[in-house]
Amino acid sequence: MQNRTIYIKGTAICLAWALLAACNKKLDDITPHNVLFEEQEFSTPAGFTKTTIANYNSLTTTNGPVSYDMNWFNLCEFRGNNIRTIDVTSFSTSTAAQDIDAFNFTNSSSKDFGRSDGFWKVSYRALLGINTVLKHVKDDETDNTILQAKAENLFLRAVVYFNLVRLYGRPYYQSPSTNLGVPLILAPITSTGEKPSRATVEETYQQIITDLNEAMKNFRQTKVNSFASKYAAYALLSRVYLYMSGPYTQPNTQHAQLAARYADSVIANGGYSLLQGADYTAYYNNSNQANTETIWAVNHDAAVSSIPTILYQPTGQYAGSPSYVTGQAKPSPDLLGLMNAGDLRKNFYVTDKYPGNNTDTVSCRKYLYKYTSVYTCNAPIHYLRLAEMYLNRAEARVKSGDNGGALADVNVIRLRAGLTSVSGLSAQALFDEILKQRRIELAFEGHNSFDYFRNGLPMVRNYGSFNSPAITVNPTDPKVVLRISDDILFENGNIIQNIQ
């Protein structure tokens, strides 16, 4: 046995259905790091810190089909109307087919035809590392370093479960006490006989809220925004309660008020500020760690992101080469048409004309930071940022009847974008303006389709893409949720498949 390996005792045969079936499973297989055996590693506070860093790294892995960031981007963004897929790409045929699967709402359960299998597996792989750290925290722990590690891992667990439940569970307003969410695994499984079933959507959300509330009590320091913090937990709670607030026409005002309250705490007390002018237009040109707007980001300074493979024309020696063409995902004409001439957010798109084509000549440039190869960059995923908090509070306020407060919030976003403020809007018209600004501001950041479905609205794609016709997906359509991988169902017969 090598002394750089941490063995997860008792979990050697756990989670076979989550790609963790190998005996003497090594945490090094989850993400490399310099640690000793499990008991020795968690015998010191420094060991908790090192293993927590490894758990952050599990969200930056770029290991082909089990890449967290690539699968996350595909399953979140391709299911909305911000993207138009094109026929000429730099993908292999098989990879292109996997990406189109989400775009067409085919929701394949086979790992060969969709990305559901990879995302599920890498998510539960990350949870194994997170739960291993939490298992070693004593109930009466007083060491500040260990409590900080506890808080950060609780936050990470909430993030992973929230991403899972919004993909595999129906929108919250639709019978959350009976609709199925995802299996809740809160400790390393110790036997192949332990095959958890799916919790309900409501139970999954409640676990996320519980983890975030417990995390908030245990944070002992504020680090750079690549690490979780108390206000990152507040920000995620704002988003979670907004998802629970339901449609504007029949909102849950209690949840809306909680979404507004947590957003307000971040805005008023978090110490963040919106970037302005040239700093704003350069937002995505830099690492996340130096700016004042990002609350929490998945940092890729040390581990490259593969998202550029689906967005851009290759650079350097490949630029203009007929053998290399642009990425598959282009900003949709519908999205680009929403932005006025003076909108600073037009700077987040770049001319990207690929050989032999005069349409779809623009690419999103939010993932161009240190784009030095054909396939990768070091761009962070800005998972939580202050602009969203203003938009969360605006939506929550209009759902609660506070039209004046909602209008003030949406005007903060408009003015920052170089637009004039709007006046006289209220009720449905104001709600529509808030969703419009969410769509423009948060484009390509993992929000688009969810903002429709959680609000009881259809996702309307009024344009065709390659061999995909225009499509409307209603929030009650079974296709709103992903199908679970065939491999997972084979390994765990207690998991019920989503019906399509």
Protein backbone atom coordinates (compact mmCIF):
# COMPACT_ATOMS: atom_id res chain seq x y z
CA MET A 1 0.00 0.00 0.00
CA GLN A 2 1.26 3.43 -0.87
CA ASN A 3 1.41 6.07 1.83
CA ARG A 4 -0.20 8.65 -0.46
CA THR A 5 -3.53 6.86 -0.46
CA ILE A 6 -6.54 7.21 1.76
CA TYR A 7 -8.63 4.05 1.86
CA ILE A 8 -12.28 4.47 2.56
CA LYS A 9 -12.75 1.67 5.09
CA GLY A 10 -16.19 0.19 5.04
CA THR A 11 -16.92 1.65 1.64
CA ALA A 12 -14.83 -0.69 -0.47
CA ILE A 13 -17.92 -2.32 -1.92
CA CYS A 14 -20.33 0.57 -1.57
CA LEU A 15 -22.16 2.42 -4.31
CA ALA A 16 -21.45 -0.08 -7.05
CA TRP A 17 -24.32 1.52 -8.89
CA ALA A 18 -22.54 4.86 -8.61
CA LEU A 19 -19.28 3.72 -10.20
CA LEU A 20 -17.67 2.93 -6.83
CA ALA A 21 -17.67 -0.84 -6.74
CA ALA A 22 -13.93 -1.57 -6.68
CA CYS A 23 -12.55 -3.25 -3.57
CA ASN A 24 -10.28 -1.12 -1.36
CA LYS A 25 -11.58 1.94 -3.15
CA LYS A 26 -9.02 4.73 -3.09
CA LEU A 27 -9.95 8.34 -2.66
CA ASP A 28 -7.04 8.99 -5.01
CA ASP A 29 -9.30 7.55 -7.70
CA ILE A 30 -11.77 10.30 -6.94
CA THR A 31 -9.15 13.01 -7.10
CA PRO A 32 -5.41 12.82 -6.47
CA HIS A 33 -4.07 14.34 -3.28
CA ASN A 34 -1.24 13.74 -0.80
CA VAL A 35 -2.77 12.02 2.22
CA LEU A 36 -2.18 9.01 4.44
CA PHE A 37 -4.60 6.25 5.35
CA GLU A 38 -8.06 7.28 6.48
CA GLU A 39 -7.59 6.92 10.23
CA GLN A 40 -4.27 8.71 10.17
CA GLU A 41 -5.49 11.45 7.87
CA PHE A 42 -8.42 12.40 10.06
CA SER A 43 -6.32 12.30 13.23
CA THR A 44 -5.26 15.93 12.66
CA PRO A 45 -7.19 19.08 11.69
CA ALA A 46 -4.89 19.54 8.68
CA GLY A 47 -6.12 16.21 7.32
CA PHE A 48 -9.70 17.49 7.26
CA THR A 49 -8.56 20.50 5.26
CA LYS A 50 -6.68 18.41 2.70
CA THR A 51 -9.53 15.99 2.11
CA THR A 52 -11.98 18.89 1.82
CA ILE A 53 -9.84 20.41 -0.92
CA ALA A 54 -9.97 17.02 -2.65
CA ASN A 55 -13.76 17.19 -2.51
CA TYR A 56 -13.76 20.58 -4.24
CA ASN A 57 -11.52 19.04 -6.87
CA SER A 58 -14.09 16.31 -7.50
CA LEU A 59 -16.22 19.01 -9.14
CA THR A 60 -13.41 19.93 -11.54
CA THR A 61 -12.54 16.47 -12.81
CA THR A 62 -12.28 16.27 -16.60
CA ASN A 63 -12.26 12.53 -17.03
CA GLY A 64 -14.22 12.05 -20.22
CA PRO A 65 -17.79 10.85 -19.67
CA VAL A 66 -17.56 11.38 -15.92
CA SER A 67 -16.54 15.03 -16.19
CA TYR A 68 -18.66 17.01 -13.74
CA ASP A 69 -18.39 20.40 -15.43
CA MET A 70 -19.00 19.21 -19.00
CA ASN A 71 -22.00 17.08 -18.02
CA TRP A 72 -23.38 19.84 -15.78
CA PHE A 73 -23.15 22.38 -18.60
CA ASN A 74 -24.76 20.09 -21.14
CA LEU A 75 -27.68 18.95 -18.98
CA CYS A 76 -28.43 22.45 -17.70
CA GLU A 77 -27.91 24.55 -20.82
CA PHE A 78 -28.83 22.30 -23.72
CA ARG A 79 -32.35 21.83 -22.36
CA GLY A 80 -33.24 25.51 -22.66
CA ASN A 81 -33.69 28.02 -25.47
CA ASN A 82 -30.42 29.93 -25.16
CA ILE A 83 -28.60 27.49 -27.44
CA ARG A 84 -28.88 26.50 -31.06
CA THR A 85 -26.93 23.39 -32.00
CA ILE A 86 -25.22 23.30 -35.37
CA ASP A 87 -24.43 20.47 -37.74
CA VAL A 88 -20.70 21.05 -38.27
CA THR A 89 -18.76 20.46 -35.09
CA SER A 90 -15.40 19.47 -33.69
CA PHE A 91 -16.97 16.51 -31.91
CA SER A 92 -16.74 12.84 -32.65
CA THR A 93 -20.05 11.45 -33.86
CA SER A 94 -20.74 9.63 -30.60
CA THR A 95 -20.04 12.64 -28.41
CA ALA A 96 -22.17 14.89 -30.60
CA ALA A 97 -25.04 12.42 -30.27
CA GLN A 98 -24.75 12.51 -26.47
CA ASP A 99 -25.04 16.28 -26.47
CA ILE A 100 -27.97 16.41 -28.87
CA ASP A 101 -29.78 13.94 -26.60
CA ALA A 102 -30.35 16.63 -23.97
CA PHE A 103 -31.13 19.28 -26.57
CA ASN A 104 -33.87 17.12 -28.08
CA PHE A 105 -35.21 16.07 -24.65
CA THR A 106 -34.71 12.45 -25.66
CA ASN A 107 -33.35 11.80 -22.16
CA SER A 108 -31.63 8.53 -23.00
CA SER A 109 -30.89 6.24 -20.10
CA SER A 110 -28.01 4.62 -21.98
CA LYS A 111 -24.52 5.92 -21.26
CA ASP A 112 -23.81 5.67 -24.99
CA PHE A 113 -26.50 8.16 -26.02
CA GLY A 114 -26.77 10.72 -23.23
CA ARG A 115 -24.92 12.37 -20.36
CA SER A 116 -27.23 11.34 -17.52
CA ASP A 117 -25.11 8.29 -16.67
CA GLY A 118 -21.89 10.29 -16.34
CA PHE A 119 -23.43 13.09 -14.32
CA TRP A 120 -25.13 10.76 -11.84
CA LYS A 121 -21.98 8.76 -11.28
CA VAL A 122 -19.62 11.70 -10.82
CA SER A 123 -22.14 13.31 -8.45
CA TYR A 124 -22.34 10.29 -6.17
CA ARG A 125 -18.61 9.84 -6.42
CA ALA A 126 -18.23 13.38 -5.07
CA LEU A 127 -20.73 12.59 -2.31
CA LEU A 128 -18.62 9.64 -1.19
CA GLY A 129 -15.68 11.92 -0.47
CA ILE A 130 -17.90 14.53 1.19
CA ASN A 131 -19.63 12.01 3.43
CA THR A 132 -16.30 10.48 4.42
CA VAL A 133 -15.12 13.82 5.82
CA LEU A 134 -18.41 14.43 7.62
CA LYS A 135 -18.34 10.94 9.13
CA HIS A 136 -15.15 11.82 11.01
CA VAL A 137 -16.43 15.04 12.58
CA LYS A 138 -17.38 14.40 16.20
CA ASP A 139 -20.73 15.59 17.49
CA ASP A 140 -19.00 17.63 20.19
CA GLU A 141 -16.16 18.87 17.98
CA THR A 142 -14.66 22.22 19.04
CA ASP A 143 -11.62 22.58 16.77
CA ASN A 144 -12.22 25.51 14.41
CA THR A 145 -10.36 23.94 11.49
CA ILE A 146 -12.44 20.77 11.66
CA LEU A 147 -15.68 22.74 12.06
CA GLN A 148 -14.75 24.80 9.00
CA ALA A 149 -14.22 21.57 7.06
CA LYS A 150 -17.61 20.35 8.28
CA ALA A 151 -19.30 23.53 7.08
CA GLU A 152 -17.65 23.41 3.65
CA ASN A 153 -18.56 19.78 3.09
CA LEU A 154 -22.16 20.33 4.14
CA PHE A 155 -22.31 23.16 1.61
CA LEU A 156 -20.83 20.95 -1.11
CA ARG A 157 -23.31 18.19 -0.31
CA ALA A 158 -26.15 20.68 -0.65
CA VAL A 159 -24.80 21.85 -4.02
CA VAL A 160 -24.52 18.29 -5.36
CA TYR A 161 -27.99 17.29 -4.19
CA PHE A 162 -29.55 20.49 -5.47
CA ASN A 163 -28.09 19.92 -8.93
CA LEU A 164 -29.29 16.32 -8.87
CA VAL A 165 -32.84 17.04 -7.72
CA ARG A 166 -33.44 19.79 -10.24
CA LEU A 167 -32.45 17.39 -13.04
CA TYR A 168 -34.09 14.18 -11.79
CA GLY A 169 -36.96 15.56 -9.70
CA ARG A 170 -40.02 17.37 -10.96
CA PRO A 171 -40.45 21.11 -10.26
CA TYR A 172 -41.15 21.66 -6.57
CA TYR A 173 -44.66 23.07 -6.97
CA GLN A 174 -45.84 19.79 -8.53
CA SER A 175 -46.69 17.47 -5.60
CA PRO A 176 -43.27 17.45 -3.91
CA SER A 177 -44.41 15.09 -1.16
CA THR A 178 -45.10 12.30 -3.66
CA ASN A 179 -42.88 13.01 -6.68
CA LEU A 180 -39.51 11.31 -6.47
CA GLY A 181 -36.22 13.11 -6.01
CA VAL A 182 -32.90 11.27 -5.62
CA PRO A 183 -31.41 8.81 -3.13
CA LEU A 184 -30.17 10.63 -0.03
CA ILE A 185 -26.89 9.10 1.08
CA LEU A 186 -25.62 10.89 4.18
CA ALA A 187 -22.86 8.48 5.22
CA PRO A 188 -20.56 6.06 3.40
CA ILE A 189 -22.45 2.86 2.62
CA THR A 190 -20.82 -0.23 4.14
CA SER A 191 -22.53 -3.10 2.35
CA THR A 192 -23.73 -4.04 -1.11
CA GLY A 193 -26.99 -4.94 0.61
CA GLU A 194 -27.62 -1.25 1.29
CA LYS A 195 -29.40 -0.07 -1.82
CA PRO A 196 -31.16 3.20 -1.08
CA SER A 197 -34.34 4.15 -2.85
CA ARG A 198 -35.23 7.63 -4.04
CA ALA A 199 -36.38 10.19 -1.52
CA THR A 200 -39.24 12.46 -2.49
CA VAL A 201 -38.61 15.88 -3.98
CA GLU A 202 -39.73 17.45 -0.70
CA GLU A 203 -37.39 15.27 1.36
CA THR A 204 -34.50 16.08 -0.94
CA TYR A 205 -35.10 19.81 -0.66
CA GLN A 206 -35.44 19.57 3.10
CA GLN A 207 -32.09 17.78 3.32
CA ILE A 208 -30.48 20.53 1.25
CA ILE A 209 -31.94 23.17 3.57
CA THR A 210 -30.86 21.22 6.65
CA ASP A 211 -27.29 20.93 5.36
CA LEU A 212 -27.08 24.62 4.54
CA ASN A 213 -28.48 25.71 7.90
CA GLU A 214 -26.05 23.41 9.70
CA ALA A 215 -23.20 24.66 7.53
CA MET A 216 -23.93 28.28 8.43
CA LYS A 217 -23.46 27.52 12.13
CA ASN A 218 -20.03 25.99 11.61
CA PHE A 219 -18.16 28.38 9.33
CA ARG A 220 -15.16 29.77 11.19
CA GLN A 221 -13.41 31.78 8.46
CA THR A 222 -13.94 33.46 5.11
CA LYS A 223 -11.62 32.37 2.34
CA VAL A 224 -11.42 33.35 -1.31
CA ASN A 225 -14.57 32.66 -3.28
CA SER A 226 -13.32 29.30 -4.55
CA PHE A 227 -14.32 28.04 -1.10
CA ALA A 228 -17.70 27.92 0.57
CA SER A 229 -18.67 30.57 3.08
CA LYS A 230 -21.59 31.55 5.28
CA TYR A 231 -22.85 33.93 2.61
CA ALA A 232 -22.46 31.31 -0.09
CA ALA A 233 -24.80 29.16 2.01
CA TYR A 234 -27.21 32.13 2.29
CA ALA A 235 -27.03 32.62 -1.47
CA LEU A 236 -27.79 28.98 -2.21
CA LEU A 237 -30.68 29.04 0.26
CA SER A 238 -32.07 32.02 -1.62
CA ARG A 239 -31.99 30.01 -4.83
CA VAL A 240 -33.44 26.89 -3.21
CA TYR A 241 -36.39 28.78 -1.71
CA LEU A 242 -36.95 30.57 -5.02
CA TYR A 243 -37.26 27.16 -6.68
CA MET A 244 -39.78 26.26 -3.99
CA SER A 245 -41.81 29.44 -4.47
CA GLY A 246 -43.69 28.11 -7.49
CA PRO A 247 -45.42 29.95 -10.34
CA TYR A 248 -46.16 33.66 -10.26
CA THR A 249 -49.85 32.94 -10.79
CA GLN A 250 -50.02 30.80 -7.63
CA PRO A 251 -46.89 31.41 -5.58
CA ASN A 252 -45.91 30.04 -2.22
CA THR A 253 -45.39 33.44 -0.61
CA GLN A 254 -43.69 32.00 2.48
CA HIS A 255 -40.97 30.45 0.35
CA ALA A 256 -40.75 33.60 -1.77
CA GLN A 257 -40.23 35.71 1.34
CA LEU A 258 -37.48 33.38 2.53
CA ALA A 259 -35.78 33.60 -0.88
CA ALA A 260 -35.90 37.40 -0.61
CA ARG A 261 -34.65 37.39 2.99
CA TYR A 262 -31.57 35.29 2.25
CA ALA A 263 -30.78 37.29 -0.88
CA ASP A 264 -31.12 40.47 1.15
CA SER A 265 -28.63 39.17 3.72
CA VAL A 266 -26.08 38.52 0.99
CA ILE A 267 -26.64 41.89 -0.68
CA ALA A 268 -26.57 43.91 2.55
CA ASN A 269 -23.96 42.06 4.61
CA GLY A 270 -21.88 39.79 2.38
CA GLY A 271 -19.33 42.41 1.34
CA TYR A 272 -19.86 41.74 -2.39
CA SER A 273 -20.36 44.39 -5.06
CA LEU A 274 -21.47 44.36 -8.68
CA LEU A 275 -18.68 44.92 -11.17
CA GLN A 276 -19.21 48.01 -13.27
CA GLY A 277 -18.28 49.23 -16.74
CA ALA A 278 -15.02 47.81 -18.10
CA ASP A 279 -14.61 45.61 -15.04
CA TYR A 280 -17.99 44.07 -15.77
CA THR A 281 -17.31 43.44 -19.45
CA ALA A 282 -14.02 41.80 -18.43
CA TYR A 283 -15.75 39.67 -15.77
CA TYR A 284 -15.13 36.35 -17.51
CA ASN A 285 -11.59 37.15 -18.64
CA ASN A 286 -10.07 36.41 -15.25
CA SER A 287 -9.92 33.94 -12.40
CA ASN A 288 -12.89 34.12 -10.06
CA GLN A 289 -10.76 34.72 -6.99
CA ALA A 290 -9.97 38.41 -7.51
CA ASN A 291 -13.43 39.85 -8.21
CA THR A 292 -16.03 41.23 -5.82
CA GLU A 293 -19.16 39.88 -7.50
CA THR A 294 -18.65 36.12 -7.39
CA ILE A 295 -19.93 34.56 -4.18
CA TRP A 296 -18.78 31.03 -4.94
CA ALA A 297 -17.26 29.48 -8.05
CA VAL A 298 -15.94 26.10 -9.10
CA ASN A 299 -12.34 27.13 -9.67
CA HIS A 300 -10.41 25.74 -12.62
CA ASP A 301 -7.05 27.45 -12.19
CA ALA A 302 -5.37 24.14 -11.38
CA ALA A 303 -7.67 21.79 -13.31
CA VAL A 304 -8.74 22.63 -16.83
CA SER A 305 -12.33 22.83 -17.93
CA SER A 306 -13.47 21.07 -21.10
CA ILE A 307 -16.50 23.30 -21.72
CA PRO A 308 -14.75 25.11 -24.63
CA THR A 309 -15.02 22.00 -26.76
CA ILE A 310 -18.71 22.67 -27.23
CA LEU A 311 -18.50 26.45 -27.62
CA TYR A 312 -15.58 27.72 -29.66
CA GLN A 313 -13.55 27.82 -32.83
CA PRO A 314 -10.11 26.38 -32.04
CA THR A 315 -7.30 28.89 -31.71
CA GLY A 316 -3.62 29.00 -32.67
CA GLN A 317 -2.50 26.73 -35.48
CA TYR A 318 -6.03 25.37 -35.90
CA ALA A 319 -7.75 28.71 -36.51
CA GLY A 320 -9.33 28.73 -39.95
CA SER A 321 -8.30 25.17 -40.69
CA PRO A 322 -10.99 23.29 -42.63
CA SER A 323 -10.28 20.20 -40.53
CA TYR A 324 -11.26 21.98 -37.31
CA VAL A 325 -14.55 23.74 -36.91
CA THR A 326 -16.49 25.52 -34.24
CA GLY A 327 -18.22 24.15 -31.20
CA GLN A 328 -21.69 22.69 -31.32
CA ALA A 329 -23.53 25.13 -29.04
CA LYS A 330 -24.20 28.58 -30.43
CA PRO A 331 -26.20 31.37 -28.77
CA SER A 332 -29.74 31.12 -30.09
CA PRO A 333 -31.15 33.86 -32.31
CA ASP A 334 -33.89 34.21 -29.72
CA LEU A 335 -31.38 35.02 -26.94
CA LEU A 336 -29.29 37.38 -29.06
CA GLY A 337 -32.45 39.20 -30.15
CA LEU A 338 -33.28 40.12 -26.55
CA MET A 339 -30.23 42.37 -26.16
CA ASN A 340 -30.48 46.01 -27.13
CA ALA A 341 -27.66 47.78 -28.96
CA GLY A 342 -26.23 49.35 -25.81
CA ASP A 343 -26.41 46.25 -23.64
CA LEU A 344 -22.96 45.63 -22.13
CA ARG A 345 -23.76 41.93 -22.00
CA LYS A 346 -23.21 41.78 -25.74
CA ASN A 347 -19.53 41.79 -24.78
CA PHE A 348 -19.95 38.24 -23.50
CA TYR A 349 -20.29 37.02 -27.08
CA VAL A 350 -17.60 36.96 -29.75
CA THR A 351 -17.59 36.60 -33.52
CA ASP A 352 -16.74 32.99 -34.29
CA LYS A 353 -17.22 32.31 -37.97
CA TYR A 354 -16.39 28.76 -38.90
CA PRO A 355 -15.36 27.65 -42.39
CA GLY A 356 -18.03 27.67 -45.06
CA ASN A 357 -20.86 29.05 -42.96
CA ASN A 358 -22.35 32.53 -42.66
CA THR A 359 -24.97 31.79 -40.02
CA ASP A 360 -24.52 31.25 -36.29
CA THR A 361 -21.33 33.30 -36.38
CA VAL A 362 -21.29 34.15 -32.66
CA SER A 363 -20.07 32.16 -29.65
CA CYS A 364 -20.48 32.74 -25.93
CA ARG A 365 -17.14 33.83 -24.44
CA LYS A 366 -17.89 33.23 -20.76
CA TYR A 367 -15.48 30.29 -20.79
CA LEU A 368 -12.50 31.76 -22.63
CA TYR A 369 -10.25 32.46 -19.62
CA LYS A 370 -6.83 30.98 -20.46
CA TYR A 371 -8.25 29.24 -23.50
CA THR A 372 -4.87 28.10 -24.75
CA SER A 373 -5.67 24.79 -26.42
CA VAL A 374 -8.22 23.44 -28.82
CA TYR A 375 -10.22 21.80 -26.10
CA THR A 376 -9.71 23.36 -22.66
CA CYS A 377 -9.53 26.52 -20.60
CA ASN A 378 -9.15 27.54 -16.96
CA ALA A 379 -12.46 29.38 -16.78
CA PRO A 380 -14.29 29.05 -13.48
CA ILE A 381 -17.96 28.19 -13.19
CA HIS A 382 -19.47 31.21 -11.42
CA TYR A 383 -22.06 29.17 -9.57
CA LEU A 384 -23.29 31.93 -7.26
CA ARG A 385 -22.86 35.63 -7.89
CA LEU A 386 -24.33 38.86 -6.63
CA ALA A 387 -26.31 39.66 -9.79
CA GLU A 388 -28.36 36.53 -9.20
CA MET A 389 -29.16 37.69 -5.68
CA TYR A 390 -30.71 40.91 -6.99
CA LEU A 391 -32.70 38.90 -9.52
CA ASN A 392 -33.72 36.32 -6.90
CA ARG A 393 -34.91 39.08 -4.61
CA ALA A 394 -36.74 40.81 -7.47
CA GLU A 395 -38.62 37.64 -8.40
CA ALA A 396 -39.35 36.78 -4.79
CA ARG A 397 -40.60 40.30 -4.11
CA VAL A 398 -42.96 40.42 -7.07
CA LYS A 399 -44.37 37.03 -6.04
CA SER A 400 -44.94 38.47 -2.57
CA GLY A 401 -46.69 41.59 -3.91
CA ASP A 402 -43.79 44.01 -3.38
CA ASN A 403 -43.79 45.52 -6.86
CA GLY A 404 -41.78 48.57 -5.85
CA GLY A 405 -38.95 46.54 -4.33
CA ALA A 406 -38.93 44.14 -7.27
CA LEU A 407 -38.75 47.01 -9.76
CA ALA A 408 -35.86 48.60 -7.87
CA ASP A 409 -33.92 45.32 -7.96
CA VAL A 410 -34.40 44.64 -11.65
CA ASN A 411 -33.37 48.22 -12.41
CA VAL A 412 -30.07 47.63 -10.59
CA ILE A 413 -29.35 44.90 -13.12
CA ARG A 414 -30.56 46.94 -16.09
CA LEU A 415 -28.51 50.01 -15.18
CA ARG A 416 -25.39 47.96 -14.60
CA ALA A 417 -25.85 46.49 -18.08
CA GLY A 418 -25.90 49.97 -19.63
CA LEU A 419 -29.66 50.10 -20.10
CA THR A 420 -32.11 52.70 -18.83
CA SER A 421 -34.31 51.97 -15.86
CA VAL A 422 -37.94 51.00 -16.41
CA SER A 423 -40.91 52.40 -14.56
CA GLY A 424 -44.59 51.71 -14.23
CA LEU A 425 -44.23 47.93 -14.40
CA SER A 426 -46.06 45.75 -11.91
CA ALA A 427 -47.56 42.29 -11.52
CA GLN A 428 -47.27 40.03 -14.59
CA ALA A 429 -45.45 42.60 -16.75
CA LEU A 430 -42.84 43.11 -14.04
CA PHE A 431 -42.45 39.36 -13.52
CA ASP A 432 -41.87 38.95 -17.27
CA GLU A 433 -39.18 41.65 -17.22
CA ILE A 434 -37.43 39.95 -14.30
CA LEU A 435 -37.36 36.60 -16.13
CA LYS A 436 -36.06 38.36 -19.24
CA GLN A 437 -33.20 39.91 -17.29
CA ARG A 438 -32.45 36.57 -15.63
CA ARG A 439 -32.24 34.96 -19.03
CA ILE A 440 -29.82 37.55 -20.42
CA GLU A 441 -27.73 38.05 -17.27
CA LEU A 442 -27.34 34.38 -16.33
CA ALA A 443 -27.13 32.90 -19.83
CA PHE A 444 -24.79 29.92 -20.17
CA GLU A 445 -24.52 29.63 -16.38
CA GLY A 446 -26.97 26.77 -15.77
CA HIS A 447 -30.32 28.48 -15.12
CA ASN A 448 -32.30 28.73 -18.33
CA SER A 449 -34.65 25.73 -18.55
CA PHE A 450 -35.14 25.56 -14.78
CA ASP A 451 -36.39 29.15 -14.68
CA TYR A 452 -39.23 28.13 -16.98
CA PHE A 453 -40.19 24.83 -15.44
CA ARG A 454 -40.01 25.87 -11.75
CA ASN A 455 -42.31 28.78 -12.62
CA GLY A 456 -44.87 26.59 -14.35
CA LEU A 457 -43.94 27.99 -17.76
CA PRO A 458 -43.22 26.18 -21.04
CA MET A 459 -39.75 26.23 -22.55
CA VAL A 460 -40.47 27.52 -26.05
CA ARG A 461 -37.77 27.07 -28.68
CA ASN A 462 -39.08 29.02 -31.68
CA TYR A 463 -36.19 28.14 -33.96
CA GLY A 464 -34.84 25.02 -35.59
CA SER A 465 -31.36 23.60 -35.08
CA PHE A 466 -29.66 21.33 -37.58
CA ASN A 467 -31.99 18.29 -37.61
CA SER A 468 -33.99 19.46 -34.58
CA PRO A 469 -37.24 21.31 -35.22
CA ALA A 470 -38.70 24.03 -33.02
CA ILE A 471 -40.08 22.58 -29.82
CA THR A 472 -42.24 23.49 -26.84
CA VAL A 473 -41.81 21.57 -23.59
CA ASN A 474 -44.48 22.17 -20.97
CA PRO A 475 -43.57 22.13 -17.26
CA THR A 476 -45.84 19.12 -16.69
CA ASP A 477 -44.31 17.13 -19.54
CA PRO A 478 -42.54 13.96 -18.32
CA LYS A 479 -39.54 15.03 -20.41
CA VAL A 480 -38.78 17.81 -17.93
CA VAL A 481 -36.86 15.28 -15.83
CA LEU A 482 -33.95 13.13 -16.94
CA ARG A 483 -34.08 9.36 -17.06
CA ILE A 484 -31.75 7.53 -14.71
CA SER A 485 -28.92 5.47 -16.18
CA ASP A 486 -29.60 1.85 -17.09
CA ASP A 487 -26.39 0.90 -15.26
CA ILE A 488 -27.68 2.44 -12.03
CA LEU A 489 -31.02 0.65 -12.30
CA PHE A 490 -29.28 -2.66 -12.95
CA GLU A 491 -27.11 -2.30 -9.83
CA ASN A 492 -29.86 -1.01 -7.57
CA GLY A 493 -33.33 -2.44 -8.10
CA ASN A 494 -34.77 -0.11 -5.44
CA ILE A 495 -34.44 2.92 -7.69
CA ILE A 496 -37.54 3.74 -9.72
CA GLN A 497 -37.05 5.10 -13.22
CA ASN A 498 -38.54 8.42 -14.32
CA ILE A 499 -41.30 7.80 -16.84
CA GLN A 500 -40.99 9.56 -20.20
